[in-house]
Amino acid sequence: MTDQHTPAAPNDALTAEPTRHPNPSGVRRIAVLTSGGDAPGMNAAIRAVVRTATFEGIEVVGVRRGFSGLHRGELQILGPRDVANTIQRGGTILLTARSHTGAPRKAARGAQHLRDWNVDGLIVIGGDGSFHGAHYLQQEHGIPVIGLPGTIDNDLYGTDHTIGYFTAVETALDAVDKLRDTGASHERIFVIEVMGRHAGHIALDVAVAGGAEEVFIPEDAKDVSCVVDVVKQSVAKGKTGSIIIVAEGYPGGAQGVADAIQAGTGMETRVSILGHIQRGGSPVSSDRVLASRLGEASVYALMEGRSDVMIGRQNHGIAYVPLSDTWEKRKDVSRDLYRCAKTLSI
């Protein structure tokens, strides 16, 4: 069962000054890294880790370039001023990389670097691939690890939302609004591909918020031919343009959907693939708050002796989820939202 807990100061009065958190594990120095694809809000999480730890009298070591940098020993001390004016920045100030996180010899070198720096625990900000690497360090080398869900896809089991998801949706929605104007002016169909290799969370939110006529997601392998009737019905209702949202993981992608529309209706159809633009940019407030809250909780988790867990957010509370659950269990899209998207497209 998922363990849920929201740390609170001994004095719950809103005017109370923050107080020191219990540190039964005797943590004195922790490390933090970002791994895999970058996500808006990662810097806010790093900032929260550094400043929470500093408040608690704990030193922080920043690892550059993710697990690749850890294997090479790219470590440096981080203080509160090193993370000043970063909460609003996209990307990650620690840089990131994709690497074979669990390669035995590399992992052994990384673990030794952490020991050489007297690190008592490691916080990994990333997705399920990054969590595999963290889990391996814990299981094979005894390094206490905490995962923070940093991925725009929102596909990690155990958390309502992941760091970067809200910003990615807003970025994609802004593009959809602009393309709708052009589509209506030219009486044109736009098929817009958003990110989501294995999950349709972004596509669903964008479809509902952007008033799309149809949405295609990896979780539903419906035949692409159904879009032809949707477009014909839209034209019959007097619509001057249509927006179709496609998650990149849907078989055939946006181009396959556009080809079906063109062949079935003869209407001019354009494809717009938003791609990596959804990963960049200043994080929206929801991502900054989420990252800050999870970053703070990750430091407390190490102080409490927790390890091999992801810190997630469930029903407005902090949740501790075994790292292995994040890839062994499936996080489904909202079926209610999927139904809503279809209902509102009439």
C-alpha atoms as a PDB file:
ATOM      1  CA  MET A   1       0.000   0.000   0.000  1.00  0.00           C
ATOM      2  CA  THR A   2       1.202   3.480  -0.799  1.00  0.00           C
ATOM      3  CA  ASP A   3       2.390   5.301   2.309  1.00  0.00           C
ATOM      4  CA  GLN A   4       1.061   8.862   2.487  1.00  0.00           C
ATOM      5  CA  HIS A   5       2.352  11.542   4.786  1.00  0.00           C
ATOM      6  CA  THR A   6       2.581  15.309   4.733  1.00  0.00           C
ATOM      7  CA  PRO A   7       5.341  16.589   7.039  1.00  0.00           C
ATOM      8  CA  ALA A   8       4.138  19.378   9.301  1.00  0.00           C
ATOM      9  CA  ALA A   9       5.873  21.665  11.707  1.00  0.00           C
ATOM     10  CA  PRO A  10       5.278  20.902  15.410  1.00  0.00           C
ATOM     11  CA  ASN A  11       3.331  24.146  15.649  1.00  0.00           C
ATOM     12  CA  ASP A  12       0.577  24.098  13.027  1.00  0.00           C
ATOM     13  CA  ALA A  13      -0.212  27.817  13.395  1.00  0.00           C
ATOM     14  CA  LEU A  14       0.030  29.549  10.033  1.00  0.00           C
ATOM     15  CA  THR A  15       2.184  32.276  11.552  1.00  0.00           C
ATOM     16  CA  ALA A  16       4.735  29.820  12.972  1.00  0.00           C
ATOM     17  CA  GLU A  17       8.337  30.030  11.797  1.00  0.00           C
ATOM     18  CA  PRO A  18       9.698  26.868  10.141  1.00  0.00           C
ATOM     19  CA  THR A  19      11.323  24.457  12.573  1.00  0.00           C
ATOM     20  CA  ARG A  20      13.969  21.797  12.123  1.00  0.00           C
ATOM     21  CA  HIS A  21      12.784  18.400  10.920  1.00  0.00           C
ATOM     22  CA  PRO A  22      13.800  15.263  12.864  1.00  0.00           C
ATOM     23  CA  ASN A  23      16.919  13.631  11.411  1.00  0.00           C
ATOM     24  CA  PRO A  24      17.095  10.157  12.978  1.00  0.00           C
ATOM     25  CA  SER A  25      19.247   8.894  10.095  1.00  0.00           C
ATOM     26  CA  GLY A  26      21.924  11.474  10.822  1.00  0.00           C
ATOM     27  CA  VAL A  27      22.092  12.679   7.216  1.00  0.00           C
ATOM     28  CA  ARG A  28      24.837  15.264   6.750  1.00  0.00           C
ATOM     29  CA  ARG A  29      25.348  15.426   2.988  1.00  0.00           C
ATOM     30  CA  ILE A  30      23.060  14.521   0.069  1.00  0.00           C
ATOM     31  CA  ALA A  31      23.449  14.569  -3.701  1.00  0.00           C
ATOM     32  CA  VAL A  32      20.970  15.533  -6.406  1.00  0.00           C
ATOM     33  CA  LEU A  33      20.930  14.913 -10.148  1.00  0.00           C
ATOM     34  CA  THR A  34      18.574  15.279 -13.108  1.00  0.00           C
ATOM     35  CA  SER A  35      18.393  12.477 -15.652  1.00  0.00           C
ATOM     36  CA  GLY A  36      16.696  11.648 -18.944  1.00  0.00           C
ATOM     37  CA  GLY A  37      14.580  14.192 -20.802  1.00  0.00           C
ATOM     38  CA  ASP A  38      14.479  17.674 -19.319  1.00  0.00           C
ATOM     39  CA  ALA A  39      11.189  18.957 -17.907  1.00  0.00           C
ATOM     40  CA  PRO A  40      10.112  22.477 -16.881  1.00  0.00           C
ATOM     41  CA  GLY A  41      10.257  22.653 -13.092  1.00  0.00           C
ATOM     42  CA  MET A  42      13.403  20.583 -12.614  1.00  0.00           C
ATOM     43  CA  ASN A  43      15.259  23.708 -11.492  1.00  0.00           C
ATOM     44  CA  ALA A  44      12.527  24.468  -8.981  1.00  0.00           C
ATOM     45  CA  ALA A  45      13.003  20.956  -7.566  1.00  0.00           C
ATOM     46  CA  ILE A  46      16.789  21.364  -7.373  1.00  0.00           C
ATOM     47  CA  ARG A  47      16.324  24.712  -5.646  1.00  0.00           C
ATOM     48  CA  ALA A  48      13.930  23.189  -3.120  1.00  0.00           C
ATOM     49  CA  VAL A  49      16.345  20.355  -2.345  1.00  0.00           C
ATOM     50  CA  VAL A  50      19.272  22.727  -1.826  1.00  0.00           C
ATOM     51  CA  ARG A  51      17.420  25.244   0.306  1.00  0.00           C
ATOM     52  CA  THR A  52      15.563  22.689   2.411  1.00  0.00           C
ATOM     53  CA  ALA A  53      18.785  20.822   3.084  1.00  0.00           C
ATOM     54  CA  THR A  54      20.637  24.025   3.915  1.00  0.00           C
ATOM     55  CA  PHE A  55      17.911  25.018   6.379  1.00  0.00           C
ATOM     56  CA  GLU A  56      18.345  21.616   8.027  1.00  0.00           C
ATOM     57  CA  GLY A  57      22.121  21.969   8.230  1.00  0.00           C
ATOM     58  CA  ILE A  58      22.776  19.440   5.464  1.00  0.00           C
ATOM     59  CA  GLU A  59      25.241  19.971   2.612  1.00  0.00           C
ATOM     60  CA  VAL A  60      24.196  19.324  -1.001  1.00  0.00           C
ATOM     61  CA  VAL A  61      26.329  17.963  -3.816  1.00  0.00           C
ATOM     62  CA  GLY A  62      25.117  18.639  -7.352  1.00  0.00           C
ATOM     63  CA  VAL A  63      25.844  15.982  -9.976  1.00  0.00           C
ATOM     64  CA  ARG A  64      26.195  17.350 -13.506  1.00  0.00           C
ATOM     65  CA  ARG A  65      24.946  15.505 -16.601  1.00  0.00           C
ATOM     66  CA  GLY A  66      22.878  12.906 -14.794  1.00  0.00           C
ATOM     67  CA  PHE A  67      24.140   9.360 -14.336  1.00  0.00           C
ATOM     68  CA  SER A  68      26.772   9.904 -17.028  1.00  0.00           C
ATOM     69  CA  GLY A  69      28.258  12.680 -14.913  1.00  0.00           C
ATOM     70  CA  LEU A  70      27.966  10.578 -11.770  1.00  0.00           C
ATOM     71  CA  HIS A  71      29.953   7.778 -13.428  1.00  0.00           C
ATOM     72  CA  ARG A  72      32.656  10.307 -14.401  1.00  0.00           C
ATOM     73  CA  GLY A  73      32.683  12.027 -11.008  1.00  0.00           C
ATOM     74  CA  GLU A  74      31.268  15.401 -12.097  1.00  0.00           C
ATOM     75  CA  LEU A  75      30.226  16.543  -8.626  1.00  0.00           C
ATOM     76  CA  GLN A  76      30.221  19.963  -6.972  1.00  0.00           C
ATOM     77  CA  ILE A  77      28.964  21.546  -3.776  1.00  0.00           C
ATOM     78  CA  LEU A  78      25.731  23.545  -4.183  1.00  0.00           C
ATOM     79  CA  GLY A  79      24.621  26.316  -1.842  1.00  0.00           C
ATOM     80  CA  PRO A  80      21.529  28.550  -1.657  1.00  0.00           C
ATOM     81  CA  ARG A  81      23.094  31.240  -3.857  1.00  0.00           C
ATOM     82  CA  ASP A  82      23.916  28.681  -6.559  1.00  0.00           C
ATOM     83  CA  VAL A  83      20.192  28.128  -7.071  1.00  0.00           C
ATOM     84  CA  ALA A  84      19.133  31.775  -6.855  1.00  0.00           C
ATOM     85  CA  ASN A  85      16.967  33.014  -9.761  1.00  0.00           C
ATOM     86  CA  THR A  86      16.482  29.502 -11.132  1.00  0.00           C
ATOM     87  CA  ILE A  87      12.881  28.726 -10.166  1.00  0.00           C
ATOM     88  CA  GLN A  88      11.597  30.452 -13.317  1.00  0.00           C
ATOM     89  CA  ARG A  89      14.083  28.814 -15.694  1.00  0.00           C
ATOM     90  CA  GLY A  90      13.287  25.865 -17.922  1.00  0.00           C
ATOM     91  CA  GLY A  91      15.645  22.959 -18.511  1.00  0.00           C
ATOM     92  CA  THR A  92      18.036  21.979 -15.749  1.00  0.00           C
ATOM     93  CA  ILE A  93      21.029  23.894 -14.401  1.00  0.00           C
ATOM     94  CA  LEU A  94      22.680  20.555 -13.579  1.00  0.00           C
ATOM     95  CA  LEU A  95      22.329  19.430 -17.200  1.00  0.00           C
ATOM     96  CA  THR A  96      21.060  15.977 -18.095  1.00  0.00           C
ATOM     97  CA  ALA A  97      21.890  12.996 -20.240  1.00  0.00           C
ATOM     98  CA  ARG A  98      20.548   9.622 -21.200  1.00  0.00           C
ATOM     99  CA  SER A  99      22.849   6.757 -20.248  1.00  0.00           C
ATOM    100  CA  HIS A 100      22.835   3.065 -19.350  1.00  0.00           C
ATOM    101  CA  THR A 101      22.036   3.841 -15.756  1.00  0.00           C
ATOM    102  CA  GLY A 102      22.401   0.277 -14.506  1.00  0.00           C
ATOM    103  CA  ALA A 103      25.573  -0.790 -16.330  1.00  0.00           C
ATOM    104  CA  PRO A 104      27.420  -2.660 -13.529  1.00  0.00           C
ATOM    105  CA  ARG A 105      30.899  -1.142 -13.866  1.00  0.00           C
ATOM    106  CA  LYS A 106      29.595   2.375 -14.403  1.00  0.00           C
ATOM    107  CA  ALA A 107      27.197   2.078 -11.477  1.00  0.00           C
ATOM    108  CA  ALA A 108      30.021   0.852  -9.255  1.00  0.00           C
ATOM    109  CA  ARG A 109      32.122   3.869 -10.209  1.00  0.00           C
ATOM    110  CA  GLY A 110      29.196   6.194  -9.532  1.00  0.00           C
ATOM    111  CA  ALA A 111      28.571   4.639  -6.135  1.00  0.00           C
ATOM    112  CA  GLN A 112      32.260   5.000  -5.264  1.00  0.00           C
ATOM    113  CA  HIS A 113      32.203   8.684  -6.236  1.00  0.00           C
ATOM    114  CA  LEU A 114      29.279   9.218  -3.873  1.00  0.00           C
ATOM    115  CA  ARG A 115      31.124   7.438  -1.084  1.00  0.00           C
ATOM    116  CA  ASP A 116      34.264   9.462  -1.772  1.00  0.00           C
ATOM    117  CA  TRP A 117      32.173  12.614  -1.310  1.00  0.00           C
ATOM    118  CA  ASN A 118      30.663  11.246   1.913  1.00  0.00           C
ATOM    119  CA  VAL A 119      27.159  11.400   0.445  1.00  0.00           C
ATOM    120  CA  ASP A 120      24.468   9.886   2.687  1.00  0.00           C
ATOM    121  CA  GLY A 121      21.721   9.764   0.043  1.00  0.00           C
ATOM    122  CA  LEU A 122      20.933  10.589  -3.584  1.00  0.00           C
ATOM    123  CA  ILE A 123      17.886  12.375  -5.012  1.00  0.00           C
ATOM    124  CA  VAL A 124      17.184  11.541  -8.665  1.00  0.00           C
ATOM    125  CA  ILE A 125      14.833  13.780 -10.680  1.00  0.00           C
ATOM    126  CA  GLY A 126      13.603  12.035 -13.820  1.00  0.00           C
ATOM    127  CA  GLY A 127      11.373   9.346 -15.277  1.00  0.00           C
ATOM    128  CA  ASP A 128      11.156   5.574 -15.030  1.00  0.00           C
ATOM    129  CA  GLY A 129      14.458   4.992 -16.826  1.00  0.00           C
ATOM    130  CA  SER A 130      16.206   7.204 -14.295  1.00  0.00           C
ATOM    131  CA  PHE A 131      14.439   5.396 -11.478  1.00  0.00           C
ATOM    132  CA  HIS A 132      15.815   2.089 -12.762  1.00  0.00           C
ATOM    133  CA  GLY A 133      19.299   3.513 -12.283  1.00  0.00           C
ATOM    134  CA  ALA A 134      18.477   4.818  -8.819  1.00  0.00           C
ATOM    135  CA  HIS A 135      16.948   1.489  -7.819  1.00  0.00           C
ATOM    136  CA  TYR A 136      20.081  -0.324  -9.004  1.00  0.00           C
ATOM    137  CA  LEU A 137      22.324   1.905  -6.866  1.00  0.00           C
ATOM    138  CA  GLN A 138      20.178   1.098  -3.855  1.00  0.00           C
ATOM    139  CA  GLN A 139      19.942  -2.631  -4.479  1.00  0.00           C
ATOM    140  CA  GLU A 140      23.516  -3.344  -5.579  1.00  0.00           C
ATOM    141  CA  HIS A 141      25.525  -0.683  -3.758  1.00  0.00           C
ATOM    142  CA  GLY A 142      23.429   0.287  -0.746  1.00  0.00           C
ATOM    143  CA  ILE A 143      23.110   3.944  -1.704  1.00  0.00           C
ATOM    144  CA  PRO A 144      19.902   5.421  -0.200  1.00  0.00           C
ATOM    145  CA  VAL A 145      17.934   6.895  -3.098  1.00  0.00           C
ATOM    146  CA  ILE A 146      14.808   9.008  -3.521  1.00  0.00           C
ATOM    147  CA  GLY A 147      13.107   9.629  -6.876  1.00  0.00           C
ATOM    148  CA  LEU A 148      11.266  12.780  -7.925  1.00  0.00           C
ATOM    149  CA  PRO A 149       8.906  12.435 -10.934  1.00  0.00           C
ATOM    150  CA  GLY A 150      10.346  14.743 -13.568  1.00  0.00           C
ATOM    151  CA  THR A 151       8.810  14.037 -16.991  1.00  0.00           C
ATOM    152  CA  ILE A 152       6.337  15.927 -19.149  1.00  0.00           C
ATOM    153  CA  ASP A 153       4.495  12.728 -20.129  1.00  0.00           C
ATOM    154  CA  ASN A 154       2.791  12.328 -16.710  1.00  0.00           C
ATOM    155  CA  ASP A 155       3.068   8.570 -17.135  1.00  0.00           C
ATOM    156  CA  LEU A 156       4.575   7.541 -13.786  1.00  0.00           C
ATOM    157  CA  TYR A 157       2.439   5.397 -11.537  1.00  0.00           C
ATOM    158  CA  GLY A 158       1.981   6.715  -8.002  1.00  0.00           C
ATOM    159  CA  THR A 159       1.636  10.450  -8.546  1.00  0.00           C
ATOM    160  CA  ASP A 160      -1.295  12.496  -9.797  1.00  0.00           C
ATOM    161  CA  HIS A 161       1.016  14.733 -11.808  1.00  0.00           C
ATOM    162  CA  THR A 162       4.680  14.828 -12.758  1.00  0.00           C
ATOM    163  CA  ILE A 163       7.001  17.831 -12.772  1.00  0.00           C
ATOM    164  CA  GLY A 164       6.828  19.509 -16.194  1.00  0.00           C
ATOM    165  CA  TYR A 165       3.450  18.162 -17.255  1.00  0.00           C
ATOM    166  CA  PHE A 166       1.431  21.320 -16.624  1.00  0.00           C
ATOM    167  CA  THR A 167       3.872  23.461 -18.613  1.00  0.00           C
ATOM    168  CA  ALA A 168       3.954  21.023 -21.525  1.00  0.00           C
ATOM    169  CA  VAL A 169       0.159  21.109 -21.740  1.00  0.00           C
ATOM    170  CA  GLU A 170       0.088  24.902 -21.678  1.00  0.00           C
ATOM    171  CA  THR A 171       2.786  25.117 -24.360  1.00  0.00           C
ATOM    172  CA  ALA A 172       0.923  22.705 -26.624  1.00  0.00           C
ATOM    173  CA  LEU A 173      -2.397  24.443 -25.994  1.00  0.00           C
ATOM    174  CA  ASP A 174      -0.955  27.819 -26.953  1.00  0.00           C
ATOM    175  CA  ALA A 175       0.134  26.340 -30.290  1.00  0.00           C
ATOM    176  CA  VAL A 176      -3.279  24.735 -30.824  1.00  0.00           C
ATOM    177  CA  ASP A 177      -5.061  28.057 -30.256  1.00  0.00           C
ATOM    178  CA  LYS A 178      -2.883  29.735 -32.869  1.00  0.00           C
ATOM    179  CA  LEU A 179      -3.281  26.940 -35.392  1.00  0.00           C
ATOM    180  CA  ARG A 180      -7.053  26.975 -34.927  1.00  0.00           C
ATOM    181  CA  ASP A 181      -7.127  30.611 -36.051  1.00  0.00           C
ATOM    182  CA  THR A 182      -5.239  29.737 -39.219  1.00  0.00           C
ATOM    183  CA  GLY A 183      -7.318  26.627 -39.842  1.00  0.00           C
ATOM    184  CA  ALA A 184     -10.584  28.530 -39.570  1.00  0.00           C
ATOM    185  CA  SER A 185      -9.338  31.324 -41.828  1.00  0.00           C
ATOM    186  CA  HIS A 186      -8.327  28.900 -44.564  1.00  0.00           C
ATOM    187  CA  GLU A 187     -11.066  26.311 -43.954  1.00  0.00           C
ATOM    188  CA  ARG A 188      -8.335  23.807 -43.342  1.00  0.00           C
ATOM    189  CA  ILE A 189      -7.873  20.715 -41.178  1.00  0.00           C
ATOM    190  CA  PHE A 190      -4.948  20.720 -38.772  1.00  0.00           C
ATOM    191  CA  VAL A 191      -3.627  17.479 -37.338  1.00  0.00           C
ATOM    192  CA  ILE A 192      -1.394  18.350 -34.399  1.00  0.00           C
ATOM    193  CA  GLU A 193       1.004  15.856 -32.860  1.00  0.00           C
ATOM    194  CA  VAL A 194       1.890  16.314 -29.197  1.00  0.00           C
ATOM    195  CA  MET A 195       4.422  14.392 -27.121  1.00  0.00           C
ATOM    196  CA  GLY A 196       3.551  11.141 -25.379  1.00  0.00           C
ATOM    197  CA  ARG A 197       5.318   8.027 -26.670  1.00  0.00           C
ATOM    198  CA  HIS A 198       3.445   5.633 -24.434  1.00  0.00           C
ATOM    199  CA  ALA A 199       0.780   7.789 -22.796  1.00  0.00           C
ATOM    200  CA  GLY A 200      -1.985  10.093 -23.948  1.00  0.00           C
ATOM    201  CA  HIS A 201      -2.220  12.403 -20.930  1.00  0.00           C
ATOM    202  CA  ILE A 202      -0.961  15.504 -22.748  1.00  0.00           C
ATOM    203  CA  ALA A 203      -3.081  14.759 -25.809  1.00  0.00           C
ATOM    204  CA  LEU A 204      -6.267  14.381 -23.743  1.00  0.00           C
ATOM    205  CA  ASP A 205      -5.817  17.572 -21.755  1.00  0.00           C
ATOM    206  CA  VAL A 206      -4.953  19.541 -24.888  1.00  0.00           C
ATOM    207  CA  ALA A 207      -7.888  18.058 -26.805  1.00  0.00           C
ATOM    208  CA  VAL A 208     -10.405  19.066 -24.139  1.00  0.00           C
ATOM    209  CA  ALA A 209      -8.887  22.478 -23.411  1.00  0.00           C
ATOM    210  CA  GLY A 210      -8.369  23.214 -27.104  1.00  0.00           C
ATOM    211  CA  GLY A 211     -11.808  22.117 -28.275  1.00  0.00           C
ATOM    212  CA  ALA A 212     -10.474  19.455 -30.638  1.00  0.00           C
ATOM    213  CA  GLU A 213     -12.833  17.472 -32.858  1.00  0.00           C
ATOM    214  CA  GLU A 214     -10.968  14.207 -32.293  1.00  0.00           C
ATOM    215  CA  VAL A 215      -8.040  12.820 -30.282  1.00  0.00           C
ATOM    216  CA  PHE A 216      -5.887   9.757 -30.841  1.00  0.00           C
ATOM    217  CA  ILE A 217      -3.911   8.225 -27.961  1.00  0.00           C
ATOM    218  CA  PRO A 218      -1.748   5.090 -27.549  1.00  0.00           C
ATOM    219  CA  GLU A 219      -4.152   3.671 -24.963  1.00  0.00           C
ATOM    220  CA  ASP A 220      -6.912   3.317 -27.585  1.00  0.00           C
ATOM    221  CA  ALA A 221      -5.928   1.636 -30.839  1.00  0.00           C
ATOM    222  CA  LYS A 222      -9.091   2.737 -32.650  1.00  0.00           C
ATOM    223  CA  ASP A 223      -8.995   2.651 -36.412  1.00  0.00           C
ATOM    224  CA  VAL A 224      -7.794   5.876 -37.992  1.00  0.00           C
ATOM    225  CA  SER A 225     -10.664   5.715 -40.517  1.00  0.00           C
ATOM    226  CA  CYS A 226     -13.092   6.938 -37.864  1.00  0.00           C
ATOM    227  CA  VAL A 227     -11.682  10.433 -38.225  1.00  0.00           C
ATOM    228  CA  VAL A 228     -13.074  10.722 -41.739  1.00  0.00           C
ATOM    229  CA  ASP A 229     -16.673  10.640 -40.500  1.00  0.00           C
ATOM    230  CA  VAL A 230     -15.773  13.092 -37.716  1.00  0.00           C
ATOM    231  CA  VAL A 231     -14.452  15.627 -40.211  1.00  0.00           C
ATOM    232  CA  LYS A 232     -17.390  15.173 -42.580  1.00  0.00           C
ATOM    233  CA  GLN A 233     -19.824  15.708 -39.716  1.00  0.00           C
ATOM    234  CA  SER A 234     -17.948  18.837 -38.663  1.00  0.00           C
ATOM    235  CA  VAL A 235     -18.236  20.285 -42.152  1.00  0.00           C
ATOM    236  CA  ALA A 236     -21.937  19.422 -42.277  1.00  0.00           C
ATOM    237  CA  LYS A 237     -22.434  21.341 -39.019  1.00  0.00           C
ATOM    238  CA  GLY A 238     -20.890  24.426 -40.566  1.00  0.00           C
ATOM    239  CA  LYS A 239     -17.463  24.297 -38.976  1.00  0.00           C
ATOM    240  CA  THR A 240     -14.869  26.083 -41.070  1.00  0.00           C
ATOM    241  CA  GLY A 241     -11.888  24.154 -39.736  1.00  0.00           C
ATOM    242  CA  SER A 242     -11.090  21.210 -37.508  1.00  0.00           C
ATOM    243  CA  ILE A 243      -8.385  20.419 -34.989  1.00  0.00           C
ATOM    244  CA  ILE A 244      -7.299  16.808 -34.523  1.00  0.00           C
ATOM    245  CA  ILE A 245      -4.891  15.981 -31.670  1.00  0.00           C
ATOM    246  CA  VAL A 246      -2.597  12.961 -31.935  1.00  0.00           C
ATOM    247  CA  ALA A 247      -0.202  11.646 -29.291  1.00  0.00           C
ATOM    248  CA  GLU A 248       3.143  10.745 -30.868  1.00  0.00           C
ATOM    249  CA  GLY A 249       2.798   7.173 -29.639  1.00  0.00           C
ATOM    250  CA  TYR A 250      -0.384   6.510 -31.621  1.00  0.00           C
ATOM    251  CA  PRO A 251       0.418   4.039 -34.451  1.00  0.00           C
ATOM    252  CA  GLY A 252       1.079   5.975 -37.637  1.00  0.00           C
ATOM    253  CA  GLY A 253       1.305   9.285 -35.814  1.00  0.00           C
ATOM    254  CA  ALA A 254      -0.116  12.547 -37.065  1.00  0.00           C
ATOM    255  CA  GLN A 255       0.883  11.906 -40.664  1.00  0.00           C
ATOM    256  CA  GLY A 256      -1.121   8.686 -40.780  1.00  0.00           C
ATOM    257  CA  VAL A 257      -4.190  10.472 -39.454  1.00  0.00           C
ATOM    258  CA  ALA A 258      -3.743  13.331 -41.931  1.00  0.00           C
ATOM    259  CA  ASP A 259      -3.362  10.940 -44.859  1.00  0.00           C
ATOM    260  CA  ALA A 260      -6.637   9.231 -43.891  1.00  0.00           C
ATOM    261  CA  ILE A 261      -8.460  12.561 -43.764  1.00  0.00           C
ATOM    262  CA  GLN A 262      -7.045  13.733 -47.083  1.00  0.00           C
ATOM    263  CA  ALA A 263      -7.935  10.476 -48.794  1.00  0.00           C
ATOM    264  CA  GLY A 264     -11.400  10.219 -47.269  1.00  0.00           C
ATOM    265  CA  THR A 265     -12.576  13.824 -47.617  1.00  0.00           C
ATOM    266  CA  GLY A 266     -10.366  15.495 -50.198  1.00  0.00           C
ATOM    267  CA  MET A 267     -10.039  18.445 -47.820  1.00  0.00           C
ATOM    268  CA  GLU A 268      -6.759  20.276 -47.392  1.00  0.00           C
ATOM    269  CA  THR A 269      -5.075  18.823 -44.321  1.00  0.00           C
ATOM    270  CA  ARG A 270      -1.890  20.013 -42.674  1.00  0.00           C
ATOM    271  CA  VAL A 271       0.305  18.345 -40.071  1.00  0.00           C
ATOM    272  CA  SER A 272       2.014  20.213 -37.262  1.00  0.00           C
ATOM    273  CA  ILE A 273       4.405  18.273 -35.023  1.00  0.00           C
ATOM    274  CA  LEU A 274       5.118  20.291 -31.896  1.00  0.00           C
ATOM    275  CA  GLY A 275       7.970  18.069 -30.739  1.00  0.00           C
ATOM    276  CA  HIS A 276      10.535  19.173 -28.203  1.00  0.00           C
ATOM    277  CA  ILE A 277       9.201  22.705 -27.926  1.00  0.00           C
ATOM    278  CA  GLN A 278       6.888  21.234 -25.262  1.00  0.00           C
ATOM    279  CA  ARG A 279       9.859  20.491 -23.000  1.00  0.00           C
ATOM    280  CA  GLY A 280      11.277  23.995 -22.894  1.00  0.00           C
ATOM    281  CA  GLY A 281      10.258  27.332 -21.517  1.00  0.00           C
ATOM    282  CA  SER A 282       9.583  28.835 -18.144  1.00  0.00           C
ATOM    283  CA  PRO A 283       7.551  26.467 -15.916  1.00  0.00           C
ATOM    284  CA  VAL A 284       4.005  27.532 -15.087  1.00  0.00           C
ATOM    285  CA  SER A 285       3.080  28.137 -11.463  1.00  0.00           C
ATOM    286  CA  SER A 286       1.611  24.653 -10.946  1.00  0.00           C
ATOM    287  CA  ASP A 287       4.902  23.009 -11.917  1.00  0.00           C
ATOM    288  CA  ARG A 288       6.907  25.370  -9.719  1.00  0.00           C
ATOM    289  CA  VAL A 289       4.728  24.652  -6.704  1.00  0.00           C
ATOM    290  CA  LEU A 290       4.684  20.880  -7.324  1.00  0.00           C
ATOM    291  CA  ALA A 291       8.458  20.738  -7.786  1.00  0.00           C
ATOM    292  CA  SER A 292       9.077  22.842  -4.698  1.00  0.00           C
ATOM    293  CA  ARG A 293       6.818  20.708  -2.552  1.00  0.00           C
ATOM    294  CA  LEU A 294       8.279  17.406  -3.766  1.00  0.00           C
ATOM    295  CA  GLY A 295      11.848  18.701  -3.506  1.00  0.00           C
ATOM    296  CA  GLU A 296      11.289  19.670   0.114  1.00  0.00           C
ATOM    297  CA  ALA A 297       9.690  16.303   0.899  1.00  0.00           C
ATOM    298  CA  SER A 298      12.584  14.394  -0.686  1.00  0.00           C
ATOM    299  CA  VAL A 299      15.053  15.855   1.801  1.00  0.00           C
ATOM    300  CA  TYR A 300      12.758  14.993   4.711  1.00  0.00           C
ATOM    301  CA  ALA A 301      12.403  11.447   3.345  1.00  0.00           C
ATOM    302  CA  LEU A 302      16.147  10.854   3.450  1.00  0.00           C
ATOM    303  CA  MET A 303      16.322  12.342   6.948  1.00  0.00           C
ATOM    304  CA  GLU A 304      13.599   9.923   8.056  1.00  0.00           C
ATOM    305  CA  GLY A 305      15.527   6.948   6.687  1.00  0.00           C
ATOM    306  CA  ARG A 306      13.354   6.303   3.629  1.00  0.00           C
ATOM    307  CA  SER A 307      14.937   4.933   0.484  1.00  0.00           C
ATOM    308  CA  ASP A 308      14.132   3.338  -2.876  1.00  0.00           C
ATOM    309  CA  VAL A 309      10.882   5.328  -3.142  1.00  0.00           C
ATOM    310  CA  MET A 310       9.467   8.011  -5.385  1.00  0.00           C
ATOM    311  CA  ILE A 311       7.968  11.084  -3.763  1.00  0.00           C
ATOM    312  CA  GLY A 312       4.646  11.709  -5.489  1.00  0.00           C
ATOM    313  CA  ARG A 313       1.582  13.857  -5.013  1.00  0.00           C
ATOM    314  CA  GLN A 314      -1.763  12.119  -4.413  1.00  0.00           C
ATOM    315  CA  ASN A 315      -4.967  13.924  -3.481  1.00  0.00           C
ATOM    316  CA  HIS A 316      -2.973  16.992  -2.388  1.00  0.00           C
ATOM    317  CA  GLY A 317      -0.803  14.907  -0.039  1.00  0.00           C
ATOM    318  CA  ILE A 318       2.712  13.528  -0.206  1.00  0.00           C
ATOM    319  CA  ALA A 319       2.920   9.855  -1.256  1.00  0.00           C
ATOM    320  CA  TYR A 320       5.859   7.463  -0.953  1.00  0.00           C
ATOM    321  CA  VAL A 321       5.792   4.881  -3.750  1.00  0.00           C
ATOM    322  CA  PRO A 322       8.322   2.041  -4.221  1.00  0.00           C
ATOM    323  CA  LEU A 323      10.479   2.899  -7.209  1.00  0.00           C
ATOM    324  CA  SER A 324       9.760  -0.479  -8.809  1.00  0.00           C
ATOM    325  CA  ASP A 325       6.026   0.303  -8.779  1.00  0.00           C
ATOM    326  CA  THR A 326       6.603   3.282 -11.068  1.00  0.00           C
ATOM    327  CA  TRP A 327       7.490   1.008 -13.975  1.00  0.00           C
ATOM    328  CA  GLU A 328       5.822  -2.251 -12.982  1.00  0.00           C
ATOM    329  CA  LYS A 329       2.369  -0.705 -12.501  1.00  0.00           C
ATOM    330  CA  ARG A 330       0.490   1.179 -15.190  1.00  0.00           C
ATOM    331  CA  LYS A 331      -0.922   4.654 -14.859  1.00  0.00           C
ATOM    332  CA  ASP A 332      -3.988   4.892 -17.067  1.00  0.00           C
ATOM    333  CA  VAL A 333      -5.375   8.015 -18.677  1.00  0.00           C
ATOM    334  CA  SER A 334      -8.609   9.464 -17.351  1.00  0.00           C
ATOM    335  CA  ARG A 335     -11.417   7.607 -19.077  1.00  0.00           C
ATOM    336  CA  ASP A 336     -13.837  10.301 -17.943  1.00  0.00           C
ATOM    337  CA  LEU A 337     -11.721  12.932 -19.685  1.00  0.00           C
ATOM    338  CA  TYR A 338     -11.581  10.788 -22.816  1.00  0.00           C
ATOM    339  CA  ARG A 339     -15.384  10.589 -22.835  1.00  0.00           C
ATOM    340  CA  CYS A 340     -15.607  14.320 -22.158  1.00  0.00           C
ATOM    341  CA  ALA A 341     -13.405  15.100 -25.151  1.00  0.00           C
ATOM    342  CA  LYS A 342     -15.792  13.224 -27.442  1.00  0.00           C
ATOM    343  CA  THR A 343     -18.946  14.638 -25.875  1.00  0.00           C
ATOM    344  CA  LEU A 344     -17.818  18.235 -26.223  1.00  0.00           C
ATOM    345  CA  SER A 345     -16.656  17.892 -29.837  1.00  0.00           C
ATOM    346  CA  ILE A 346     -20.149  17.952 -31.322  1.00  0.00           C
END
